[in-house]
Structure formats: structure tokens, C-alpha cells
Amino acid sequence: MPPHPIRVIPAGPAKGPPVPKTPCVAKTATVVLMCGPPGAGKTTYAKTLERAGHVRLSVDEEMWRQDRELAERFGTPEYFDFTVEVERQLRTRLTELMADGRDAVVDLSFWSRQRREEY
């Protein structure tokens, strides 16, 4: 892993409050998008990354957490709408994690290039 960039803040204007000369370290977030067919081991590997400190975002698990009954209606228009909403929520969470410099793994199949490029 490359070293984190270090930014040194220059001293402020003479009339203003003093600016600290301590370097600020900005952490760049690492985001892993799991990609592969069902049963390939995406979730298993994502859980390994989670144990190593990544925040794991799983659409399937979030759907089950929010509404088990609706999550069981695979193939229905309601299920599709629910999937879109939960994924929107997780993308918002991913954006927040990235802004905070937190590493994340998105446990989703990303089976098409278009889906990967959306992220």
C-alpha cells in the first residue's frame, strides 16, 4: 500500500490566528467492488476484508435487515423497487465512508461492465 500523502499547512497571515504547522495526514479510502457470478466466493472474501477493517456494504443483507418479507419476493416489481432503494441507500453510505477516508467493500455481483461503471 502506498504511503498516505502528507500535506503541510503554511503559516497564516500575520494579523490572523496562528495556523498549526503540524502536518495533516489525509487518508485516501480504498473501495473494493466485488465482481463475479453467484457462488464464486465474493461474500466470503468481502467478509475477510471486513475483518481486516473494511466496512462491508451488502445489498442482500441490508434488504433482509430492512424487510425480510419483501426480500423474499424475488422477481416481483416490488422486489425490484426495494432493491433499487436499498442500493441507493448503500451508495449514499459508501460516499460518506469515502469522505471520511474509510475503506469499504461493496458486496454486490457487478456482473456487467455498466453496473461497475455506475460506481
PDB file of N, CA and C in Angstrom:
ATOM      1  N   MET A   1       0.842  -1.175   0.000  1.00  0.00           N
ATOM      2  CA  MET A   1       0.000   0.000   0.000  1.00  0.00           C
ATOM      3  C   MET A   1       0.888   1.239   0.000  1.00  0.00           C
ATOM      4  N   PRO A   2       0.603   2.202  -0.912  1.00  0.00           N
ATOM      5  CA  PRO A   2       1.453   3.388  -0.971  1.00  0.00           C
ATOM      6  C   PRO A   2       1.292   4.230   0.281  1.00  0.00           C
ATOM      7  N   PRO A   3       2.314   5.021   0.635  1.00  0.00           N
ATOM      8  CA  PRO A   3       2.206   5.883   1.818  1.00  0.00           C
ATOM      9  C   PRO A   3       1.122   6.921   1.610  1.00  0.00           C
ATOM     10  N   HIS A   4       0.529   7.332   2.694  1.00  0.00           N
ATOM     11  CA  HIS A   4      -0.517   8.349   2.629  1.00  0.00           C
ATOM     12  C   HIS A   4       0.105   9.705   2.375  1.00  0.00           C
ATOM     13  N   PRO A   5      -0.552  10.530   1.546  1.00  0.00           N
ATOM     14  CA  PRO A   5       0.020  11.854   1.279  1.00  0.00           C
ATOM     15  C   PRO A   5       0.036  12.707   2.541  1.00  0.00           C
ATOM     16  N   ILE A   6       1.062  13.514   2.672  1.00  0.00           N
ATOM     17  CA  ILE A   6       1.175  14.414   3.814  1.00  0.00           C
ATOM     18  C   ILE A   6       1.106  15.830   3.272  1.00  0.00           C
ATOM     19  N   ARG A   7       0.245  16.620   3.855  1.00  0.00           N
ATOM     20  CA  ARG A   7       0.080  17.997   3.417  1.00  0.00           C
ATOM     21  C   ARG A   7       0.511  18.902   4.554  1.00  0.00           C
ATOM     22  N   VAL A   8       1.425  19.817   4.288  1.00  0.00           N
ATOM     23  CA  VAL A   8       1.884  20.768   5.291  1.00  0.00           C
ATOM     24  C   VAL A   8       1.126  22.060   5.096  1.00  0.00           C
ATOM     25  N   ILE A   9       0.525  22.562   6.167  1.00  0.00           N
ATOM     26  CA  ILE A   9      -0.250  23.796   6.111  1.00  0.00           C
ATOM     27  C   ILE A   9       0.688  24.960   6.375  1.00  0.00           C
ATOM     28  N   PRO A  10       0.789  25.907   5.418  1.00  0.00           N
ATOM     29  CA  PRO A  10       1.682  27.045   5.635  1.00  0.00           C
ATOM     30  C   PRO A  10       1.147  27.960   6.729  1.00  0.00           C
ATOM     31  N   ALA A  11       2.039  28.769   7.286  1.00  0.00           N
ATOM     32  CA  ALA A  11       1.645  29.720   8.331  1.00  0.00           C
ATOM     33  C   ALA A  11       0.647  30.716   7.762  1.00  0.00           C
ATOM     34  N   GLY A  12      -0.304  31.137   8.604  1.00  0.00           N
ATOM     35  CA  GLY A  12      -1.342  32.083   8.179  1.00  0.00           C
ATOM     36  C   GLY A  12      -0.819  33.505   8.112  1.00  0.00           C
ATOM     37  N   PRO A  13      -1.695  34.419   7.728  1.00  0.00           N
ATOM     38  CA  PRO A  13      -1.292  35.821   7.644  1.00  0.00           C
ATOM     39  C   PRO A  13      -0.911  36.351   9.024  1.00  0.00           C
ATOM     40  N   ALA A  14      -0.061  37.363   9.035  1.00  0.00           N
ATOM     41  CA  ALA A  14       0.458  37.914  10.290  1.00  0.00           C
ATOM     42  C   ALA A  14      -0.646  38.402  11.206  1.00  0.00           C
ATOM     43  N   LYS A  15      -1.730  38.956  10.678  1.00  0.00           N
ATOM     44  CA  LYS A  15      -2.786  39.515  11.520  1.00  0.00           C
ATOM     45  C   LYS A  15      -3.832  38.480  11.931  1.00  0.00           C
ATOM     46  N   GLY A  16      -3.860  37.350  11.300  1.00  0.00           N
ATOM     47  CA  GLY A  16      -4.874  36.341  11.614  1.00  0.00           C
ATOM     48  C   GLY A  16      -4.411  35.399  12.704  1.00  0.00           C
ATOM     49  N   PRO A  17      -5.277  34.462  13.085  1.00  0.00           N
ATOM     50  CA  PRO A  17      -4.898  33.490  14.108  1.00  0.00           C
ATOM     51  C   PRO A  17      -3.794  32.582  13.579  1.00  0.00           C
ATOM     52  N   PRO A  18      -2.968  32.063  14.474  1.00  0.00           N
ATOM     53  CA  PRO A  18      -1.884  31.192  14.020  1.00  0.00           C
ATOM     54  C   PRO A  18      -2.448  29.911  13.405  1.00  0.00           C
ATOM     55  N   VAL A  19      -1.803  29.454  12.375  1.00  0.00           N
ATOM     56  CA  VAL A  19      -2.184  28.206  11.711  1.00  0.00           C
ATOM     57  C   VAL A  19      -1.215  27.140  12.187  1.00  0.00           C
ATOM     58  N   PRO A  20      -1.706  25.991  12.622  1.00  0.00           N
ATOM     59  CA  PRO A  20      -0.799  24.949  13.098  1.00  0.00           C
ATOM     60  C   PRO A  20       0.165  24.511  12.005  1.00  0.00           C
ATOM     61  N   LYS A  21       1.416  24.260  12.387  1.00  0.00           N
ATOM     62  CA  LYS A  21       2.426  23.829  11.435  1.00  0.00           C
ATOM     63  C   LYS A  21       2.570  22.313  11.424  1.00  0.00           C
ATOM     64  N   THR A  22       1.742  21.637  12.203  1.00  0.00           N
ATOM     65  CA  THR A  22       1.771  20.183  12.240  1.00  0.00           C
ATOM     66  C   THR A  22       1.191  19.661  10.930  1.00  0.00           C
ATOM     67  N   PRO A  23       1.870  18.725  10.277  1.00  0.00           N
ATOM     68  CA  PRO A  23       1.340  18.210   9.020  1.00  0.00           C
ATOM     69  C   PRO A  23       0.030  17.460   9.259  1.00  0.00           C
ATOM     70  N   CYS A  24      -0.896  17.616   8.339  1.00  0.00           N
ATOM     71  CA  CYS A  24      -2.166  16.886   8.386  1.00  0.00           C
ATOM     72  C   CYS A  24      -2.043  15.696   7.438  1.00  0.00           C
ATOM     73  N   VAL A  25      -2.431  14.544   7.899  1.00  0.00           N
ATOM     74  CA  VAL A  25      -2.372  13.354   7.059  1.00  0.00           C
ATOM     75  C   VAL A  25      -3.770  13.082   6.529  1.00  0.00           C
ATOM     76  N   ALA A  26      -3.898  13.065   5.218  1.00  0.00           N
ATOM     77  CA  ALA A  26      -5.178  12.767   4.587  1.00  0.00           C
ATOM     78  C   ALA A  26      -5.156  11.315   4.131  1.00  0.00           C
ATOM     79  N   LYS A  27      -6.119  10.531   4.583  1.00  0.00           N
ATOM     80  CA  LYS A  27      -6.179   9.127   4.193  1.00  0.00           C
ATOM     81  C   LYS A  27      -7.095   8.987   2.993  1.00  0.00           C
ATOM     82  N   THR A  28      -6.611   8.317   1.988  1.00  0.00           N
ATOM     83  CA  THR A  28      -7.419   8.029   0.820  1.00  0.00           C
ATOM     84  C   THR A  28      -8.134   6.711   1.061  1.00  0.00           C
ATOM     85  N   ALA A  29      -9.434   6.703   0.860  1.00  0.00           N
ATOM     86  CA  ALA A  29     -10.216   5.492   1.079  1.00  0.00           C
ATOM     87  C   ALA A  29      -9.972   4.483  -0.040  1.00  0.00           C
ATOM     88  N   THR A  30      -9.936   3.219   0.328  1.00  0.00           N
ATOM     89  CA  THR A  30      -9.865   2.135  -0.645  1.00  0.00           C
ATOM     90  C   THR A  30     -11.257   1.529  -0.738  1.00  0.00           C
ATOM     91  N   VAL A  31     -11.783   1.428  -1.954  1.00  0.00           N
ATOM     92  CA  VAL A  31     -13.092   0.823  -2.171  1.00  0.00           C
ATOM     93  C   VAL A  31     -12.901  -0.392  -3.068  1.00  0.00           C
ATOM     94  N   VAL A  32     -13.377  -1.542  -2.607  1.00  0.00           N
ATOM     95  CA  VAL A  32     -13.284  -2.784  -3.363  1.00  0.00           C
ATOM     96  C   VAL A  32     -14.683  -3.125  -3.853  1.00  0.00           C
ATOM     97  N   LEU A  33     -14.829  -3.315  -5.166  1.00  0.00           N
ATOM     98  CA  LEU A  33     -16.098  -3.744  -5.746  1.00  0.00           C
ATOM     99  C   LEU A  33     -15.969  -5.229  -6.062  1.00  0.00           C
ATOM    100  N   MET A  34     -16.746  -6.061  -5.397  1.00  0.00           N
ATOM    101  CA  MET A  34     -16.697  -7.495  -5.641  1.00  0.00           C
ATOM    102  C   MET A  34     -17.392  -7.769  -6.974  1.00  0.00           C
ATOM    103  N   CYS A  35     -16.785  -8.616  -7.785  1.00  0.00           N
ATOM    104  CA  CYS A  35     -17.300  -8.887  -9.116  1.00  0.00           C
ATOM    105  C   CYS A  35     -17.212 -10.382  -9.390  1.00  0.00           C
ATOM    106  N   GLY A  36     -18.318 -10.985  -9.798  1.00  0.00           N
ATOM    107  CA  GLY A  36     -18.286 -12.405 -10.132  1.00  0.00           C
ATOM    108  C   GLY A  36     -19.660 -13.024 -10.078  1.00  0.00           C
ATOM    109  N   PRO A  37     -19.781 -14.230 -10.611  1.00  0.00           N
ATOM    110  CA  PRO A  37     -21.074 -14.925 -10.619  1.00  0.00           C
ATOM    111  C   PRO A  37     -21.447 -15.436  -9.231  1.00  0.00           C
ATOM    112  N   PRO A  38     -22.720 -15.803  -9.042  1.00  0.00           N
ATOM    113  CA  PRO A  38     -23.145 -16.360  -7.755  1.00  0.00           C
ATOM    114  C   PRO A  38     -22.299 -17.589  -7.387  1.00  0.00           C
ATOM    115  N   GLY A  39     -21.925 -17.671  -6.126  1.00  0.00           N
ATOM    116  CA  GLY A  39     -21.173 -18.821  -5.638  1.00  0.00           C
ATOM    117  C   GLY A  39     -19.675 -18.742  -5.871  1.00  0.00           C
ATOM    118  N   ALA A  40     -19.183 -17.626  -6.393  1.00  0.00           N
ATOM    119  CA  ALA A  40     -17.755 -17.503  -6.704  1.00  0.00           C
ATOM    120  C   ALA A  40     -16.909 -17.201  -5.475  1.00  0.00           C
ATOM    121  N   GLY A  41     -17.532 -16.822  -4.361  1.00  0.00           N
ATOM    122  CA  GLY A  41     -16.781 -16.524  -3.145  1.00  0.00           C
ATOM    123  C   GLY A  41     -16.673 -15.040  -2.833  1.00  0.00           C
ATOM    124  N   LYS A  42     -17.503 -14.238  -3.482  1.00  0.00           N
ATOM    125  CA  LYS A  42     -17.455 -12.789  -3.268  1.00  0.00           C
ATOM    126  C   LYS A  42     -17.724 -12.428  -1.807  1.00  0.00           C
ATOM    127  N   THR A  43     -18.778 -12.958  -1.249  1.00  0.00           N
ATOM    128  CA  THR A  43     -19.133 -12.626   0.134  1.00  0.00           C
ATOM    129  C   THR A  43     -18.081 -13.157   1.102  1.00  0.00           C
ATOM    130  N   THR A  44     -17.572 -14.339   0.855  1.00  0.00           N
ATOM    131  CA  THR A  44     -16.527 -14.892   1.719  1.00  0.00           C
ATOM    132  C   THR A  44     -15.320 -13.975   1.747  1.00  0.00           C
ATOM    133  N   TYR A  45     -14.894 -13.510   0.571  1.00  0.00           N
ATOM    134  CA  TYR A  45     -13.747 -12.620   0.517  1.00  0.00           C
ATOM    135  C   TYR A  45     -14.077 -11.253   1.115  1.00  0.00           C
ATOM    136  N   ALA A  46     -15.298 -10.762   0.854  1.00  0.00           N
ATOM    137  CA  ALA A  46     -15.711  -9.472   1.418  1.00  0.00           C
ATOM    138  C   ALA A  46     -15.682  -9.521   2.947  1.00  0.00           C
ATOM    139  N   LYS A  47     -16.087 -10.641   3.521  1.00  0.00           N
ATOM    140  CA  LYS A  47     -16.043 -10.783   4.978  1.00  0.00           C
ATOM    141  C   LYS A  47     -14.604 -10.811   5.491  1.00  0.00           C
ATOM    142  N   THR A  48     -13.686 -11.355   4.692  1.00  0.00           N
ATOM    143  CA  THR A  48     -12.270 -11.333   5.057  1.00  0.00           C
ATOM    144  C   THR A  48     -11.774  -9.893   5.108  1.00  0.00           C
ATOM    145  N   LEU A  49     -12.154  -9.103   4.099  1.00  0.00           N
ATOM    146  CA  LEU A  49     -11.776  -7.686   4.090  1.00  0.00           C
ATOM    147  C   LEU A  49     -12.418  -6.944   5.259  1.00  0.00           C
ATOM    148  N   GLU A  50     -13.635  -7.323   5.599  1.00  0.00           N
ATOM    149  CA  GLU A  50     -14.324  -6.695   6.738  1.00  0.00           C
ATOM    150  C   GLU A  50     -13.545  -6.947   8.031  1.00  0.00           C
ATOM    151  N   ARG A  51     -13.085  -8.177   8.215  1.00  0.00           N
ATOM    152  CA  ARG A  51     -12.298  -8.489   9.413  1.00  0.00           C
ATOM    153  C   ARG A  51     -10.990  -7.712   9.430  1.00  0.00           C
ATOM    154  N   ALA A  52     -10.497  -7.319   8.250  1.00  0.00           N
ATOM    155  CA  ALA A  52      -9.253  -6.552   8.153  1.00  0.00           C
ATOM    156  C   ALA A  52      -9.487  -5.049   8.303  1.00  0.00           C
ATOM    157  N   GLY A  53     -10.759  -4.646   8.476  1.00  0.00           N
ATOM    158  CA  GLY A  53     -11.034  -3.236   8.730  1.00  0.00           C
ATOM    159  C   GLY A  53     -11.917  -2.521   7.720  1.00  0.00           C
ATOM    160  N   HIS A  54     -12.226  -3.153   6.591  1.00  0.00           N
ATOM    161  CA  HIS A  54     -13.124  -2.529   5.622  1.00  0.00           C
ATOM    162  C   HIS A  54     -14.552  -2.561   6.161  1.00  0.00           C
ATOM    163  N   VAL A  55     -15.347  -1.575   5.778  1.00  0.00           N
ATOM    164  CA  VAL A  55     -16.776  -1.599   6.067  1.00  0.00           C
ATOM    165  C   VAL A  55     -17.421  -2.348   4.903  1.00  0.00           C
ATOM    166  N   ARG A  56     -18.176  -3.397   5.214  1.00  0.00           N
ATOM    167  CA  ARG A  56     -18.804  -4.208   4.157  1.00  0.00           C
ATOM    168  C   ARG A  56     -20.226  -3.724   3.924  1.00  0.00           C
ATOM    169  N   LEU A  57     -20.522  -3.420   2.658  1.00  0.00           N
ATOM    170  CA  LEU A  57     -21.858  -2.991   2.257  1.00  0.00           C
ATOM    171  C   LEU A  57     -22.461  -4.089   1.386  1.00  0.00           C
ATOM    172  N   SER A  58     -23.544  -4.694   1.853  1.00  0.00           N
ATOM    173  CA  SER A  58     -24.186  -5.799   1.143  1.00  0.00           C
ATOM    174  C   SER A  58     -25.655  -5.461   0.901  1.00  0.00           C
ATOM    175  N   VAL A  59     -26.039  -5.374  -0.369  1.00  0.00           N
ATOM    176  CA  VAL A  59     -27.438  -5.086  -0.707  1.00  0.00           C
ATOM    177  C   VAL A  59     -28.333  -6.194  -0.174  1.00  0.00           C
ATOM    178  N   ASP A  60     -27.951  -7.450  -0.404  1.00  0.00           N
ATOM    179  CA  ASP A  60     -28.786  -8.576   0.039  1.00  0.00           C
ATOM    180  C   ASP A  60     -29.017  -8.548   1.549  1.00  0.00           C
ATOM    181  N   GLU A  61     -27.947  -8.384   2.307  1.00  0.00           N
ATOM    182  CA  GLU A  61     -28.097  -8.387   3.763  1.00  0.00           C
ATOM    183  C   GLU A  61     -28.883  -7.187   4.259  1.00  0.00           C
ATOM    184  N   GLU A  62     -28.703  -6.044   3.617  1.00  0.00           N
ATOM    185  CA  GLU A  62     -29.455  -4.854   4.023  1.00  0.00           C
ATOM    186  C   GLU A  62     -30.939  -5.023   3.704  1.00  0.00           C
ATOM    187  N   MET A  63     -31.249  -5.653   2.570  1.00  0.00           N
ATOM    188  CA  MET A  63     -32.657  -5.909   2.236  1.00  0.00           C
ATOM    189  C   MET A  63     -33.293  -6.820   3.290  1.00  0.00           C
ATOM    190  N   TRP A  64     -32.596  -7.876   3.659  1.00  0.00           N
ATOM    191  CA  TRP A  64     -33.108  -8.794   4.672  1.00  0.00           C
ATOM    192  C   TRP A  64     -33.275  -8.084   6.015  1.00  0.00           C
ATOM    193  N   ARG A  65     -32.337  -7.207   6.340  1.00  0.00           N
ATOM    194  CA  ARG A  65     -32.414  -6.486   7.613  1.00  0.00           C
ATOM    195  C   ARG A  65     -33.621  -5.552   7.639  1.00  0.00           C
ATOM    196  N   GLN A  66     -33.891  -4.875   6.524  1.00  0.00           N
ATOM    197  CA  GLN A  66     -34.968  -3.892   6.494  1.00  0.00           C
ATOM    198  C   GLN A  66     -36.355  -4.518   6.367  1.00  0.00           C
ATOM    199  N   ASP A  67     -36.493  -5.564   5.547  1.00  0.00           N
ATOM    200  CA  ASP A  67     -37.824  -6.145   5.320  1.00  0.00           C
ATOM    201  C   ASP A  67     -37.691  -7.557   4.755  1.00  0.00           C
ATOM    202  N   ARG A  68     -37.650  -8.543   5.634  1.00  0.00           N
ATOM    203  CA  ARG A  68     -37.484  -9.942   5.217  1.00  0.00           C
ATOM    204  C   ARG A  68     -38.562 -10.396   4.254  1.00  0.00           C
ATOM    205  N   GLU A  69     -39.790 -10.018   4.540  1.00  0.00           N
ATOM    206  CA  GLU A  69     -40.913 -10.465   3.708  1.00  0.00           C
ATOM    207  C   GLU A  69     -40.768  -9.955   2.273  1.00  0.00           C
ATOM    208  N   LEU A  70     -40.457  -8.687   2.131  1.00  0.00           N
ATOM    209  CA  LEU A  70     -40.285  -8.112   0.801  1.00  0.00           C
ATOM    210  C   LEU A  70     -39.045  -8.681   0.119  1.00  0.00           C
ATOM    211  N   ALA A  71     -38.005  -8.942   0.873  1.00  0.00           N
ATOM    212  CA  ALA A  71     -36.774  -9.503   0.312  1.00  0.00           C
ATOM    213  C   ALA A  71     -36.993 -10.905  -0.250  1.00  0.00           C
ATOM    214  N   GLU A  72     -38.042 -11.592   0.201  1.00  0.00           N
ATOM    215  CA  GLU A  72     -38.344 -12.939  -0.286  1.00  0.00           C
ATOM    216  C   GLU A  72     -39.145 -12.933  -1.581  1.00  0.00           C
ATOM    217  N   ARG A  73     -39.610 -11.779  -2.027  1.00  0.00           N
ATOM    218  CA  ARG A  73     -40.457 -11.692  -3.233  1.00  0.00           C
ATOM    219  C   ARG A  73     -39.631 -11.462  -4.501  1.00  0.00           C
ATOM    220  N   PHE A  74     -38.583 -12.250  -4.666  1.00  0.00           N
ATOM    221  CA  PHE A  74     -37.692 -12.119  -5.812  1.00  0.00           C
ATOM    222  C   PHE A  74     -38.482 -12.168  -7.123  1.00  0.00           C
ATOM    223  N   GLY A  75     -38.152 -11.273  -8.043  1.00  0.00           N
ATOM    224  CA  GLY A  75     -38.790 -11.279  -9.360  1.00  0.00           C
ATOM    225  C   GLY A  75     -40.030 -10.411  -9.476  1.00  0.00           C
ATOM    226  N   THR A  76     -40.516  -9.880  -8.370  1.00  0.00           N
ATOM    227  CA  THR A  76     -41.710  -9.034  -8.430  1.00  0.00           C
ATOM    228  C   THR A  76     -41.301  -7.567  -8.614  1.00  0.00           C
ATOM    229  N   PRO A  77     -42.228  -6.744  -9.130  1.00  0.00           N
ATOM    230  CA  PRO A  77     -41.917  -5.311  -9.261  1.00  0.00           C
ATOM    231  C   PRO A  77     -41.566  -4.677  -7.912  1.00  0.00           C
ATOM    232  N   GLU A  78     -42.235  -5.118  -6.830  1.00  0.00           N
ATOM    233  CA  GLU A  78     -41.957  -4.571  -5.503  1.00  0.00           C
ATOM    234  C   GLU A  78     -40.528  -4.900  -5.068  1.00  0.00           C
ATOM    235  N   TYR A  79     -40.086  -6.115  -5.379  1.00  0.00           N
ATOM    236  CA  TYR A  79     -38.729  -6.534  -5.037  1.00  0.00           C
ATOM    237  C   TYR A  79     -37.715  -5.659  -5.787  1.00  0.00           C
ATOM    238  N   PHE A  80     -37.970  -5.449  -7.081  1.00  0.00           N
ATOM    239  CA  PHE A  80     -37.062  -4.629  -7.881  1.00  0.00           C
ATOM    240  C   PHE A  80     -36.976  -3.220  -7.311  1.00  0.00           C
ATOM    241  N   ASP A  81     -38.120  -2.614  -7.001  1.00  0.00           N
ATOM    242  CA  ASP A  81     -38.130  -1.256  -6.441  1.00  0.00           C
ATOM    243  C   ASP A  81     -37.384  -1.210  -5.113  1.00  0.00           C
ATOM    244  N   PHE A  82     -37.580  -2.238  -4.299  1.00  0.00           N
ATOM    245  CA  PHE A  82     -36.904  -2.318  -2.998  1.00  0.00           C
ATOM    246  C   PHE A  82     -35.388  -2.415  -3.189  1.00  0.00           C
ATOM    247  N   THR A  83     -34.972  -3.226  -4.150  1.00  0.00           N
ATOM    248  CA  THR A  83     -33.543  -3.371  -4.445  1.00  0.00           C
ATOM    249  C   THR A  83     -32.929  -2.036  -4.847  1.00  0.00           C
ATOM    250  N   VAL A  84     -33.618  -1.312  -5.713  1.00  0.00           N
ATOM    251  CA  VAL A  84     -33.121  -0.008  -6.173  1.00  0.00           C
ATOM    252  C   VAL A  84     -32.982   0.951  -4.992  1.00  0.00           C
ATOM    253  N   GLU A  85     -33.965   0.969  -4.097  1.00  0.00           N
ATOM    254  CA  GLU A  85     -33.926   1.876  -2.940  1.00  0.00           C
ATOM    255  C   GLU A  85     -32.801   1.510  -1.977  1.00  0.00           C
ATOM    256  N   VAL A  86     -32.649   0.227  -1.687  1.00  0.00           N
ATOM    257  CA  VAL A  86     -31.595  -0.203  -0.754  1.00  0.00           C
ATOM    258  C   VAL A  86     -30.224   0.086  -1.357  1.00  0.00           C
ATOM    259  N   GLU A  87     -30.069  -0.148  -2.648  1.00  0.00           N
ATOM    260  CA  GLU A  87     -28.785   0.148  -3.266  1.00  0.00           C
ATOM    261  C   GLU A  87     -28.501   1.651  -3.224  1.00  0.00           C
ATOM    262  N   ARG A  88     -29.513   2.474  -3.402  1.00  0.00           N
ATOM    263  CA  ARG A  88     -29.337   3.928  -3.303  1.00  0.00           C
ATOM    264  C   ARG A  88     -28.841   4.298  -1.907  1.00  0.00           C
ATOM    265  N   GLN A  89     -29.437   3.681  -0.886  1.00  0.00           N
ATOM    266  CA  GLN A  89     -29.020   3.939   0.491  1.00  0.00           C
ATOM    267  C   GLN A  89     -27.562   3.546   0.713  1.00  0.00           C
ATOM    268  N   LEU A  90     -27.183   2.397   0.186  1.00  0.00           N
ATOM    269  CA  LEU A  90     -25.809   1.928   0.382  1.00  0.00           C
ATOM    270  C   LEU A  90     -24.806   2.777  -0.401  1.00  0.00           C
ATOM    271  N   ARG A  91     -25.217   3.284  -1.564  1.00  0.00           N
ATOM    272  CA  ARG A  91     -24.313   4.173  -2.305  1.00  0.00           C
ATOM    273  C   ARG A  91     -24.107   5.479  -1.542  1.00  0.00           C
ATOM    274  N   THR A  92     -25.155   5.957  -0.890  1.00  0.00           N
ATOM    275  CA  THR A  92     -25.023   7.155  -0.054  1.00  0.00           C
ATOM    276  C   THR A  92     -24.059   6.865   1.089  1.00  0.00           C
ATOM    277  N   ARG A  93     -24.208   5.718   1.710  1.00  0.00           N
ATOM    278  CA  ARG A  93     -23.315   5.317   2.807  1.00  0.00           C
ATOM    279  C   ARG A  93     -21.874   5.190   2.310  1.00  0.00           C
ATOM    280  N   LEU A  94     -21.702   4.626   1.115  1.00  0.00           N
ATOM    281  CA  LEU A  94     -20.362   4.491   0.539  1.00  0.00           C
ATOM    282  C   LEU A  94     -19.721   5.861   0.345  1.00  0.00           C
ATOM    283  N   THR A  95     -20.495   6.807  -0.150  1.00  0.00           N
ATOM    284  CA  THR A  95     -19.987   8.171  -0.348  1.00  0.00           C
ATOM    285  C   THR A  95     -19.546   8.775   0.980  1.00  0.00           C
ATOM    286  N   GLU A  96     -20.330   8.552   2.029  1.00  0.00           N
ATOM    287  CA  GLU A  96     -19.979   9.064   3.360  1.00  0.00           C
ATOM    288  C   GLU A  96     -18.686   8.414   3.867  1.00  0.00           C
ATOM    289  N   LEU A  97     -18.572   7.114   3.675  1.00  0.00           N
ATOM    290  CA  LEU A  97     -17.365   6.400   4.114  1.00  0.00           C
ATOM    291  C   LEU A  97     -16.132   6.921   3.380  1.00  0.00           C
ATOM    292  N   MET A  98     -16.267   7.127   2.082  1.00  0.00           N
ATOM    293  CA  MET A  98     -15.139   7.640   1.298  1.00  0.00           C
ATOM    294  C   MET A  98     -14.738   9.031   1.772  1.00  0.00           C
ATOM    295  N   ALA A  99     -15.732   9.874   2.049  1.00  0.00           N
ATOM    296  CA  ALA A  99     -15.436  11.231   2.524  1.00  0.00           C
ATOM    297  C   ALA A  99     -14.705  11.191   3.862  1.00  0.00           C
ATOM    298  N   ASP A 100     -14.991  10.172   4.664  1.00  0.00           N
ATOM    299  CA  ASP A 100     -14.337  10.015   5.967  1.00  0.00           C
ATOM    300  C   ASP A 100     -13.002   9.270   5.867  1.00  0.00           C
ATOM    301  N   GLY A 101     -12.610   8.869   4.649  1.00  0.00           N
ATOM    302  CA  GLY A 101     -11.355   8.149   4.474  1.00  0.00           C
ATOM    303  C   GLY A 101     -11.408   6.704   4.936  1.00  0.00           C
ATOM    304  N   ARG A 102     -12.623   6.134   5.015  1.00  0.00           N
ATOM    305  CA  ARG A 102     -12.797   4.752   5.487  1.00  0.00           C
ATOM    306  C   ARG A 102     -12.768   3.780   4.320  1.00  0.00           C
ATOM    307  N   ASP A 103     -12.098   2.668   4.489  1.00  0.00           N
ATOM    308  CA  ASP A 103     -12.059   1.621   3.476  1.00  0.00           C
ATOM    309  C   ASP A 103     -13.383   0.873   3.457  1.00  0.00           C
ATOM    310  N   ALA A 104     -13.827   0.476   2.271  1.00  0.00           N
ATOM    311  CA  ALA A 104     -15.108  -0.206   2.149  1.00  0.00           C
ATOM    312  C   ALA A 104     -15.030  -1.288   1.085  1.00  0.00           C
ATOM    313  N   VAL A 105     -15.883  -2.292   1.227  1.00  0.00           N
ATOM    314  CA  VAL A 105     -16.037  -3.326   0.206  1.00  0.00           C
ATOM    315  C   VAL A 105     -17.530  -3.416  -0.107  1.00  0.00           C
ATOM    316  N   VAL A 106     -17.847  -3.331  -1.404  1.00  0.00           N
ATOM    317  CA  VAL A 106     -19.243  -3.404  -1.849  1.00  0.00           C
ATOM    318  C   VAL A 106     -19.479  -4.834  -2.315  1.00  0.00           C
ATOM    319  N   ASP A 107     -20.296  -5.550  -1.546  1.00  0.00           N
ATOM    320  CA  ASP A 107     -20.567  -6.970  -1.790  1.00  0.00           C
ATOM    321  C   ASP A 107     -21.799  -7.075  -2.691  1.00  0.00           C
ATOM    322  N   LEU A 108     -21.551  -6.911  -3.975  1.00  0.00           N
ATOM    323  CA  LEU A 108     -22.602  -6.942  -4.998  1.00  0.00           C
ATOM    324  C   LEU A 108     -21.971  -7.647  -6.191  1.00  0.00           C
ATOM    325  N   SER A 109     -22.757  -8.293  -7.039  1.00  0.00           N
ATOM    326  CA  SER A 109     -22.140  -9.097  -8.105  1.00  0.00           C
ATOM    327  C   SER A 109     -21.415  -8.280  -9.170  1.00  0.00           C
ATOM    328  N   PHE A 110     -21.901  -7.084  -9.496  1.00  0.00           N
ATOM    329  CA  PHE A 110     -21.285  -6.254 -10.543  1.00  0.00           C
ATOM    330  C   PHE A 110     -20.989  -7.077 -11.785  1.00  0.00           C
ATOM    331  N   TRP A 111     -21.967  -7.891 -12.195  1.00  0.00           N
ATOM    332  CA  TRP A 111     -21.755  -8.802 -13.314  1.00  0.00           C
ATOM    333  C   TRP A 111     -21.621  -8.101 -14.655  1.00  0.00           C
ATOM    334  N   SER A 112     -22.117  -6.874 -14.784  1.00  0.00           N
ATOM    335  CA  SER A 112     -21.975  -6.181 -16.068  1.00  0.00           C
ATOM    336  C   SER A 112     -21.045  -4.983 -15.928  1.00  0.00           C
ATOM    337  N   ARG A 113     -20.366  -4.663 -17.010  1.00  0.00           N
ATOM    338  CA  ARG A 113     -19.468  -3.511 -17.031  1.00  0.00           C
ATOM    339  C   ARG A 113     -20.251  -2.241 -16.705  1.00  0.00           C
ATOM    340  N   GLN A 114     -21.459  -2.127 -17.225  1.00  0.00           N
ATOM    341  CA  GLN A 114     -22.286  -0.940 -16.969  1.00  0.00           C
ATOM    342  C   GLN A 114     -22.517  -0.747 -15.477  1.00  0.00           C
ATOM    343  N   ARG A 115     -22.832  -1.828 -14.768  1.00  0.00           N
ATOM    344  CA  ARG A 115     -23.065  -1.734 -13.314  1.00  0.00           C
ATOM    345  C   ARG A 115     -21.792  -1.272 -12.598  1.00  0.00           C
ATOM    346  N   ARG A 116     -20.651  -1.799 -13.008  1.00  0.00           N
ATOM    347  CA  ARG A 116     -19.379  -1.398 -12.382  1.00  0.00           C
ATOM    348  C   ARG A 116     -19.090   0.073 -12.660  1.00  0.00           C
ATOM    349  N   GLU A 117     -19.334   0.507 -13.873  1.00  0.00           N
ATOM    350  CA  GLU A 117     -19.051   1.892 -14.243  1.00  0.00           C
ATOM    351  C   GLU A 117     -19.968   2.882 -13.527  1.00  0.00           C
ATOM    352  N   GLU A 118     -21.163   2.437 -13.116  1.00  0.00           N
ATOM    353  CA  GLU A 118     -22.078   3.314 -12.369  1.00  0.00           C
ATOM    354  C   GLU A 118     -21.450   3.738 -11.039  1.00  0.00           C
ATOM    355  N   TYR A 119     -20.606   2.880 -10.499  1.00  0.00           N
ATOM    356  CA  TYR A 119     -19.960   3.187  -9.238  1.00  0.00           C
ATOM    357  C   TYR A 119     -18.712   4.010  -9.458  1.00  0.00           C
TER     358      TYR A 119
END
